């Protein structure tokens, strides 16, 4: 089996993504006005970027990684590529998902702030987007499972992890799936969960992380998910850090929250 040594891109919907066929916005990389964070925006053709581990390290586990960005952009470095590279070093295959996003202009940062400040506007944008990102998340799981043998992956060891809005994608797939699109485990990290929370009968193991001082996504979202899984008798682990704010991802803050991904690695090995 020949395993590519460099990341490669896989179209999620080779024949076109249903629901966005008429989208004309151009995908691009932009820098946030404050801090210069590089982000991907205007995704209309979803893809997976595959990061496969050295075959001598590979353990057969795969994780689909969903970066966050308020459903307007993707913080693809510290919530995407760096996560994938960490997983690879531990023998885990990683697939960064570029899911469809709310269209933005060159003044995208102001547009994000405007929608986040106006719940009605944000709800209207999400009403159209929600079924599309659910479909993207489900298709990502299906695709990795369909090609598992090709990439040296166990079809029963395919999980999904997401940050903030990407955590919302993760939770959407966790709550709504069929047999082919059901992940084997999920890790919503400071997840911007949306929709009704009903624990499915075939609920999968969850690993949750949040900072108590998160100013954007209340920690109560993660505690509510934990409580629902716990009450249903389903496997769940929750880590709440006193400090960390929102969007820490793989950034090093010099705080205990820096070790969250090590805790995830330990959980993955033991599950």
Protein backbone atom coordinates (compact mmCIF):
# COMPACT_ATOMS: atom_id res chain seq x y z
CA UNK A 1 0.00 0.00 0.00
CA UNK A 2 1.45 3.37 -1.07
CA UNK A 3 0.73 6.07 1.52
CA UNK A 4 1.28 9.68 0.29
CA UNK A 5 3.85 11.52 2.39
CA UNK A 6 2.36 14.98 1.76
CA UNK A 7 -1.14 16.29 2.49
CA UNK A 8 -3.54 15.95 -0.44
CA UNK A 9 -6.99 17.31 -1.16
CA UNK A 10 -10.10 15.20 -1.76
CA UNK A 11 -13.30 16.79 -3.13
CA UNK A 12 -16.19 16.04 -0.80
CA UNK A 13 -18.79 16.18 -3.56
CA UNK A 14 -17.05 15.43 -6.92
CA UNK A 15 -20.32 15.87 -8.82
CA UNK A 16 -21.21 19.14 -7.10
CA UNK A 17 -22.47 20.05 -3.63
CA UNK A 18 -26.27 20.04 -3.49
CA UNK A 19 -27.72 23.28 -2.19
CA UNK A 20 -24.89 25.57 -3.27
CA UNK A 21 -24.74 24.92 -7.01
CA UNK A 22 -25.35 28.59 -7.81
CA UNK A 23 -22.80 30.01 -5.37
CA UNK A 24 -20.29 32.22 -7.18
CA UNK A 25 -18.10 33.48 -4.31
CA UNK A 26 -14.40 32.73 -4.65
CA UNK A 27 -12.65 30.81 -1.90
CA UNK A 28 -9.63 32.67 -0.57
CA UNK A 29 -7.23 33.04 2.31
CA UNK A 30 -7.49 36.34 4.19
CA UNK A 31 -5.94 37.86 7.31
CA UNK A 32 -8.05 39.04 10.23
CA UNK A 33 -7.65 42.82 10.70
CA UNK A 34 -6.71 42.39 14.35
CA UNK A 35 -3.87 39.96 15.02
CA UNK A 36 -3.37 38.86 11.42
CA UNK A 37 -4.86 35.38 11.91
CA UNK A 38 -5.02 33.71 8.50
CA UNK A 39 -8.38 32.23 7.63
CA UNK A 40 -10.10 30.55 4.71
CA UNK A 41 -13.44 32.02 3.68
CA UNK A 42 -16.12 31.67 1.00
CA UNK A 43 -15.91 27.89 0.82
CA UNK A 44 -18.48 26.67 -1.70
CA UNK A 45 -16.77 23.45 -2.81
CA UNK A 46 -16.09 21.43 0.35
CA UNK A 47 -12.96 19.31 0.58
CA UNK A 48 -10.98 17.10 2.92
CA UNK A 49 -7.25 17.68 3.22
CA UNK A 50 -5.72 14.32 4.12
CA UNK A 51 -2.75 14.13 6.47
CA UNK A 52 -1.65 10.50 6.70
CA UNK A 53 0.88 9.33 9.30
CA UNK A 54 4.10 7.47 8.66
CA UNK A 55 3.01 3.85 8.07
CA UNK A 56 5.45 2.71 10.76
CA UNK A 57 3.49 4.80 13.31
CA UNK A 58 -0.05 4.37 11.97
CA UNK A 59 -2.48 2.83 14.46
CA UNK A 60 -5.58 2.67 12.24
CA UNK A 61 -7.43 5.58 13.89
CA UNK A 62 -8.64 8.60 11.90
CA UNK A 63 -10.00 11.98 12.98
CA UNK A 64 -11.88 14.46 10.80
CA UNK A 65 -10.87 17.94 12.01
CA UNK A 66 -13.31 20.86 11.62
CA UNK A 67 -11.79 24.32 12.22
CA UNK A 68 -13.94 27.08 13.67
CA UNK A 69 -14.68 30.62 12.54
CA UNK A 70 -18.24 31.68 13.39
CA UNK A 71 -19.52 29.82 10.30
CA UNK A 72 -18.00 32.65 8.20
CA UNK A 73 -14.37 31.49 7.90
CA UNK A 74 -12.02 28.69 8.94
CA UNK A 75 -9.14 29.21 11.37
CA UNK A 76 -7.32 26.52 9.45
CA UNK A 77 -3.88 26.74 11.07
CA UNK A 78 -4.20 26.43 14.87
CA UNK A 79 -7.57 24.62 14.65
CA UNK A 80 -6.75 22.56 11.58
CA UNK A 81 -3.28 21.89 10.22
CA UNK A 82 -1.50 21.99 13.58
CA UNK A 83 -4.06 19.58 15.06
CA UNK A 84 -3.62 17.24 12.09
CA UNK A 85 0.17 17.29 12.42
CA UNK A 86 -0.06 16.54 16.16
CA UNK A 87 -2.32 13.57 15.43
CA UNK A 88 0.01 12.31 12.69
CA UNK A 89 2.96 12.26 15.07
CA UNK A 90 0.93 9.86 17.21
CA UNK A 91 -0.01 7.57 14.33
CA UNK A 92 -3.50 8.99 13.75
CA UNK A 93 -4.70 9.86 10.25
CA UNK A 94 -6.27 13.33 10.07
CA UNK A 95 -8.61 14.90 7.53
CA UNK A 96 -9.19 18.65 7.73
CA UNK A 97 -12.71 19.48 6.59
CA UNK A 98 -13.38 22.64 4.65
CA UNK A 99 -17.15 22.87 5.03
CA UNK A 100 -19.44 25.42 3.40
CA UNK A 101 -19.59 28.89 4.93
CA UNK A 102 -21.74 32.02 5.00
CA UNK A 103 -20.57 34.16 2.04
CA UNK A 104 -18.51 37.25 2.92
CA UNK A 105 -17.04 40.28 1.15
CA UNK A 106 -13.64 41.93 1.59
CA UNK A 107 -15.07 43.58 4.71
CA UNK A 108 -15.71 40.14 6.17
CA UNK A 109 -14.57 40.89 9.72
CA UNK A 110 -17.19 43.65 10.07
CA UNK A 111 -19.85 41.39 8.56
CA UNK A 112 -19.08 38.70 11.11
CA UNK A 113 -19.36 41.17 13.98
CA UNK A 114 -22.62 42.58 12.61
CA UNK A 115 -24.27 39.16 12.33
CA UNK A 116 -23.01 37.96 15.69
CA UNK A 117 -24.44 41.11 17.29
CA UNK A 118 -27.83 40.62 15.62
CA UNK A 119 -29.35 37.26 16.50
CA UNK A 120 -32.06 37.61 13.86
CA UNK A 121 -29.55 38.13 11.05
CA UNK A 122 -27.36 35.28 12.25
CA UNK A 123 -30.33 32.95 12.61
CA UNK A 124 -31.42 33.77 9.07
CA UNK A 125 -27.97 33.00 7.69
CA UNK A 126 -27.76 29.77 9.68
CA UNK A 127 -31.18 28.58 8.56
CA UNK A 128 -29.84 28.23 5.02
CA UNK A 129 -26.40 26.99 6.04
CA UNK A 130 -27.27 24.41 8.72
CA UNK A 131 -28.44 21.61 6.39
CA UNK A 132 -25.40 22.15 4.15
CA UNK A 133 -22.80 21.85 6.89
CA UNK A 134 -24.58 18.82 8.32
CA UNK A 135 -24.42 17.20 4.89
CA UNK A 136 -20.72 18.10 4.60
CA UNK A 137 -19.92 16.55 7.98
CA UNK A 138 -21.88 13.40 7.22
CA UNK A 139 -20.25 13.04 3.80
CA UNK A 140 -16.78 13.46 5.32
CA UNK A 141 -17.38 10.47 7.60
CA UNK A 142 -18.81 8.41 4.73
CA UNK A 143 -15.90 9.21 2.44
CA UNK A 144 -13.20 8.32 4.98
CA UNK A 145 -15.00 5.09 5.84
CA UNK A 146 -15.45 4.17 2.16
CA UNK A 147 -11.72 4.58 1.53
CA UNK A 148 -10.50 3.31 4.90
CA UNK A 149 -8.72 0.26 3.49
CA UNK A 150 -6.89 2.42 0.96
CA UNK A 151 -5.50 4.64 3.72
CA UNK A 152 -4.82 1.97 6.33
CA UNK A 153 -7.70 3.06 8.58
CA UNK A 154 -10.00 0.88 10.64
CA UNK A 155 -13.60 1.57 9.56
CA UNK A 156 -14.67 1.38 13.24
CA UNK A 157 -12.11 3.98 14.41
CA UNK A 158 -13.20 7.09 12.53
CA UNK A 159 -13.94 10.12 14.69
CA UNK A 160 -14.72 13.80 14.25
CA UNK A 161 -13.37 16.80 16.16
CA UNK A 162 -14.38 20.44 15.83
CA UNK A 163 -13.64 23.82 17.33
CA UNK A 164 -16.30 26.49 18.01
CA UNK A 165 -18.36 26.57 14.77
CA UNK A 166 -16.53 23.39 13.76
CA UNK A 167 -17.73 21.99 17.07
CA UNK A 168 -21.21 22.84 15.87
CA UNK A 169 -20.57 20.76 12.74
CA UNK A 170 -19.25 17.99 14.99
CA UNK A 171 -22.35 18.07 17.18
CA UNK A 172 -24.65 18.14 14.15
CA UNK A 173 -23.13 14.89 12.85
CA UNK A 174 -23.06 13.43 16.36
CA UNK A 175 -26.80 14.01 16.71
CA UNK A 176 -27.89 13.28 13.12
CA UNK A 177 -26.41 10.39 11.14
CA UNK A 178 -27.16 7.07 9.54
CA UNK A 179 -25.03 3.93 9.78
CA UNK A 180 -22.65 5.06 7.04
CA UNK A 181 -22.14 8.58 8.43
CA UNK A 182 -22.00 7.75 12.15
CA UNK A 183 -18.63 8.68 13.66
CA UNK A 184 -17.16 6.22 16.16
CA UNK A 185 -16.27 9.04 18.56
CA UNK A 186 -16.44 12.84 18.65
CA UNK A 187 -14.62 15.72 20.31
CA UNK A 188 -16.55 19.01 20.38
CA UNK A 189 -14.03 21.62 21.58
CA UNK A 190 -15.66 24.83 22.91
CA UNK A 191 -18.47 23.87 20.56
CA UNK A 192 -20.98 26.37 19.25
CA UNK A 193 -23.78 23.81 19.43
CA UNK A 194 -26.96 24.69 17.62
CA UNK A 195 -30.29 22.89 17.38
CA UNK A 196 -32.18 20.67 19.74
CA UNK A 197 -30.16 18.37 21.98
CA UNK A 198 -31.68 14.88 21.93
CA UNK A 199 -29.25 12.08 22.71
CA UNK A 200 -29.54 9.47 19.95
CA UNK A 201 -30.04 5.82 20.83
CA UNK A 202 -26.72 5.00 19.17
CA UNK A 203 -24.89 7.90 20.84
CA UNK A 204 -21.13 7.79 20.39
CA UNK A 205 -18.43 8.50 23.00
CA UNK A 206 -17.74 12.22 23.49
CA UNK A 207 -14.68 14.17 24.64
CA UNK A 208 -15.50 17.79 25.57
CA UNK A 209 -13.20 20.74 26.32
CA UNK A 210 -14.11 24.29 27.34
CA UNK A 211 -12.62 27.26 29.18
CA UNK A 212 -14.74 28.68 31.99
CA UNK A 213 -13.85 32.24 30.93
CA UNK A 214 -14.92 31.78 27.29
CA UNK A 215 -16.48 35.15 26.34
CA UNK A 216 -18.13 33.95 23.11
CA UNK A 217 -19.45 30.43 23.67
CA UNK A 218 -20.79 29.81 27.19
CA UNK A 219 -19.26 26.87 29.04
CA UNK A 220 -22.83 25.81 29.81
CA UNK A 221 -23.10 24.47 26.26
CA UNK A 222 -20.48 21.83 27.05
CA UNK A 223 -21.87 21.12 30.51
CA UNK A 224 -25.36 20.68 29.04
CA UNK A 225 -24.05 18.20 26.45
CA UNK A 226 -22.16 16.36 29.19
CA UNK A 227 -25.22 16.19 31.44
CA UNK A 228 -27.41 14.85 28.62
CA UNK A 229 -24.89 12.13 27.68
CA UNK A 230 -24.33 11.23 31.35
CA UNK A 231 -28.05 11.00 32.04
CA UNK A 232 -28.45 8.69 29.04
CA UNK A 233 -25.66 6.43 30.31
CA UNK A 234 -23.45 7.16 27.30
CA UNK A 235 -19.63 7.51 27.43
CA UNK A 236 -18.54 11.13 27.92
CA UNK A 237 -15.55 13.00 29.33
CA UNK A 238 -15.49 16.75 30.04
CA UNK A 239 -12.52 19.01 30.79
CA UNK A 240 -13.21 22.57 31.97
CA UNK A 241 -10.23 24.89 32.39
CA UNK A 242 -10.47 28.02 34.54
CA UNK A 243 -8.72 30.17 31.95
CA UNK A 244 -8.24 29.94 28.20
CA UNK A 245 -10.82 32.21 26.64
CA UNK A 246 -12.22 31.27 23.25
CA UNK A 247 -10.45 29.86 20.23
CA UNK A 248 -7.26 28.66 21.90
CA UNK A 249 -6.91 25.57 19.71
CA UNK A 250 -3.24 24.65 19.49
CA UNK A 251 -2.04 28.09 20.63
CA UNK A 252 0.20 28.02 23.69
CA UNK A 253 -1.00 30.40 26.40
CA UNK A 254 1.26 29.29 29.22
CA UNK A 255 -1.79 27.94 31.04
CA UNK A 256 -3.03 24.46 32.02
CA UNK A 257 -5.39 24.60 29.02
CA UNK A 258 -2.32 24.11 26.81
CA UNK A 259 -2.43 20.42 27.72
CA UNK A 260 -5.96 19.75 26.50
CA UNK A 261 -4.84 17.87 23.39
CA UNK A 262 -2.61 15.61 25.48
CA UNK A 263 -5.72 14.70 27.47
CA UNK A 264 -7.51 13.99 24.20
CA UNK A 265 -4.66 11.71 23.11
CA UNK A 266 -4.86 9.80 26.40
CA UNK A 267 -8.64 9.45 26.02
CA UNK A 268 -8.25 8.24 22.45
CA UNK A 269 -5.74 5.59 23.46
CA UNK A 270 -7.96 4.32 26.28
CA UNK A 271 -11.22 4.23 24.32
